C-alpha atoms as a PDB file:
ATOM      1  CA  MET A   1       5.983  43.541 -23.205  1.00  0.00           C
ATOM      2  CA  LYS A   2       4.758  41.904 -20.283  1.00  0.00           C
ATOM      3  CA  THR A   3       4.519  38.128 -19.863  1.00  0.00           C
ATOM      4  CA  LYS A   4       1.639  36.634 -18.896  1.00  0.00           C
ATOM      5  CA  ARG A   5       2.174  33.622 -16.329  1.00  0.00           C
ATOM      6  CA  THR A   6      -0.523  30.938 -15.906  1.00  0.00           C
ATOM      7  CA  GLU A   7      -0.478  28.215 -13.187  1.00  0.00           C
ATOM      8  CA  VAL A   8      -2.258  25.152 -13.360  1.00  0.00           C
ATOM      9  CA  SER A   9      -2.625  22.765 -10.120  1.00  0.00           C
ATOM     10  CA  PHE A  10      -4.571  19.718  -9.741  1.00  0.00           C
ATOM     11  CA  GLU A  11      -5.474  17.000  -6.772  1.00  0.00           C
ATOM     12  CA  SER A  12      -5.980  13.597  -7.414  1.00  0.00           C
ATOM     13  CA  SER A  13      -6.853  10.568  -5.142  1.00  0.00           C
ATOM     14  CA  GLU A  14      -7.215   6.683  -5.589  1.00  0.00           C
ATOM     15  CA  VAL A  15      -9.801   4.475  -4.942  1.00  0.00           C
ATOM     16  CA  TRP A  16      -8.937   0.870  -4.469  1.00  0.00           C
ATOM     17  CA  ARG A  17     -11.362  -1.850  -4.279  1.00  0.00           C
ATOM     18  CA  ILE A  18     -10.525  -4.982  -2.481  1.00  0.00           C
ATOM     19  CA  ARG A  19     -12.654  -8.280  -2.880  1.00  0.00           C
ATOM     20  CA  GLN A  20     -11.750 -11.380  -0.931  1.00  0.00           C
ATOM     21  CA  ALA A  21     -10.550 -14.226  -3.705  1.00  0.00           C
ATOM     22  CA  THR A  22     -12.739 -17.339  -2.759  1.00  0.00           C
ATOM     23  CA  GLY A  23     -10.159 -19.522  -0.241  1.00  0.00           C
ATOM     24  CA  ALA A  24      -8.464 -16.170   0.338  1.00  0.00           C
ATOM     25  CA  ASP A  25      -6.691 -15.694   3.730  1.00  0.00           C
ATOM     26  CA  VAL A  26      -7.340 -12.289   4.942  1.00  0.00           C
ATOM     27  CA  ARG A  27      -6.011 -10.316   7.434  1.00  0.00           C
ATOM     28  CA  GLU A  28      -7.196  -6.892   9.359  1.00  0.00           C
ATOM     29  CA  CYS A  29      -4.202  -4.327  10.388  1.00  0.00           C
ATOM     30  CA  HIS A  30      -3.969  -4.310  14.440  1.00  0.00           C
ATOM     31  CA  ILE A  31      -2.527  -0.618  14.149  1.00  0.00           C
ATOM     32  CA  CYS A  32      -5.128   1.147  11.945  1.00  0.00           C
ATOM     33  CA  PRO A  33      -8.243   1.656  13.781  1.00  0.00           C
ATOM     34  CA  ASN A  34     -10.834   0.770  11.199  1.00  0.00           C
ATOM     35  CA  ALA A  35      -9.946  -2.894  10.343  1.00  0.00           C
ATOM     36  CA  VAL A  36      -8.089  -1.760   7.197  1.00  0.00           C
ATOM     37  CA  PRO A  37      -7.016  -5.116   4.903  1.00  0.00           C
ATOM     38  CA  MET A  38      -3.707  -6.516   4.559  1.00  0.00           C
ATOM     39  CA  VAL A  39      -2.300  -8.305   1.553  1.00  0.00           C
ATOM     40  CA  LEU A  40       0.726 -10.477   0.822  1.00  0.00           C
ATOM     41  CA  VAL A  41       3.606  -8.710  -0.187  1.00  0.00           C
ATOM     42  CA  GLU A  42       3.996 -10.362  -3.180  1.00  0.00           C
ATOM     43  CA  ASP A  43       0.226  -9.592  -4.160  1.00  0.00           C
ATOM     44  CA  LEU A  44       0.947  -6.047  -3.630  1.00  0.00           C
ATOM     45  CA  ALA A  45       4.096  -6.034  -5.803  1.00  0.00           C
ATOM     46  CA  MET A  46       2.295  -7.582  -8.609  1.00  0.00           C
ATOM     47  CA  THR A  47      -1.021  -5.238  -8.530  1.00  0.00           C
ATOM     48  CA  THR A  48       1.337  -2.108  -8.144  1.00  0.00           C
ATOM     49  CA  LYS A  49       3.875  -2.767 -10.509  1.00  0.00           C
ATOM     50  CA  ILE A  50       6.617  -2.069  -7.336  1.00  0.00           C
ATOM     51  CA  SER A  51       9.488  -4.708  -6.651  1.00  0.00           C
ATOM     52  CA  PRO A  52       8.716  -7.047  -3.465  1.00  0.00           C
ATOM     53  CA  ARG A  53      12.260  -6.060  -2.310  1.00  0.00           C
ATOM     54  CA  GLU A  54      11.290  -2.272  -2.274  1.00  0.00           C
ATOM     55  CA  ILE A  55       8.312  -3.081  -0.110  1.00  0.00           C
ATOM     56  CA  TYR A  56      10.440  -4.998   2.284  1.00  0.00           C
ATOM     57  CA  ARG A  57      12.770  -2.024   2.063  1.00  0.00           C
ATOM     58  CA  ALA A  58       9.731   0.155   3.400  1.00  0.00           C
ATOM     59  CA  ILE A  59       8.699  -2.473   5.998  1.00  0.00           C
ATOM     60  CA  GLU A  60      12.445  -2.262   7.371  1.00  0.00           C
ATOM     61  CA  ARG A  61      12.474   1.584   7.670  1.00  0.00           C
ATOM     62  CA  GLY A  62       9.385   0.938   9.674  1.00  0.00           C
ATOM     63  CA  GLU A  63       7.218   2.793   6.943  1.00  0.00           C
ATOM     64  CA  LEU A  64       4.440   0.402   6.552  1.00  0.00           C
ATOM     65  CA  HIS A  65       2.284  -1.761   8.810  1.00  0.00           C
ATOM     66  CA  PHE A  66       2.643  -5.234   8.712  1.00  0.00           C
ATOM     67  CA  VAL A  67       2.182  -8.900  10.190  1.00  0.00           C
ATOM     68  CA  ASP A  68       5.229 -11.489   9.572  1.00  0.00           C
ATOM     69  CA  GLU A  69       4.110 -15.162   9.919  1.00  0.00           C
ATOM     70  CA  PRO A  70       5.903 -18.107  10.860  1.00  0.00           C
ATOM     71  CA  ASN A  71       5.183 -19.562   7.423  1.00  0.00           C
ATOM     72  CA  ALA A  72       7.659 -17.064   6.189  1.00  0.00           C
ATOM     73  CA  ARG A  73       4.488 -15.063   4.840  1.00  0.00           C
ATOM     74  CA  VAL A  74       4.044 -11.164   4.990  1.00  0.00           C
ATOM     75  CA  PHE A  75       1.000  -9.204   4.849  1.00  0.00           C
ATOM     76  CA  VAL A  76       0.928  -5.439   4.356  1.00  0.00           C
ATOM     77  CA  CYS A  77      -1.790  -2.855   5.439  1.00  0.00           C
ATOM     78  CA  LEU A  78      -3.230  -1.111   2.299  1.00  0.00           C
ATOM     79  CA  ALA A  79      -3.848   2.085   4.617  1.00  0.00           C
ATOM     80  CA  SER A  80       0.063   2.445   5.367  1.00  0.00           C
ATOM     81  CA  PHE A  81       0.827   1.597   1.882  1.00  0.00           C
ATOM     82  CA  SER A  82      -1.484   4.187   0.466  1.00  0.00           C
ATOM     83  CA  GLU A  83      -0.128   6.743   2.710  1.00  0.00           C
ATOM     84  CA  ARG A  84       3.689   6.103   2.291  1.00  0.00           C
ATOM     85  CA  ASN A  85       2.848   6.188  -1.802  1.00  0.00           C
ATOM     86  CA  LEU A  86       5.814   3.965  -3.063  1.00  0.00           C
ATOM     87  CA  GLN A  87       4.259   4.242  -6.562  1.00  0.00           C
END
């Protein structure tokens, strides 16, 4: 008796819609060529359900573009985050 094998594959993609909140502090990535928005680590963690510590680890490994400000706020580039796919 022969068995029949079926393979199924699919491809998915994400679309992120970023809107500036009233009074929001917005940055643009200085590494990416197309002025990609950057968001605070804490905001990214809340939105993606990834711990801020995991995001900071990826920054320390050099996997994410970021801006570290003197007031201890860290902004992460959304394009580098999307490419890294920490989720």
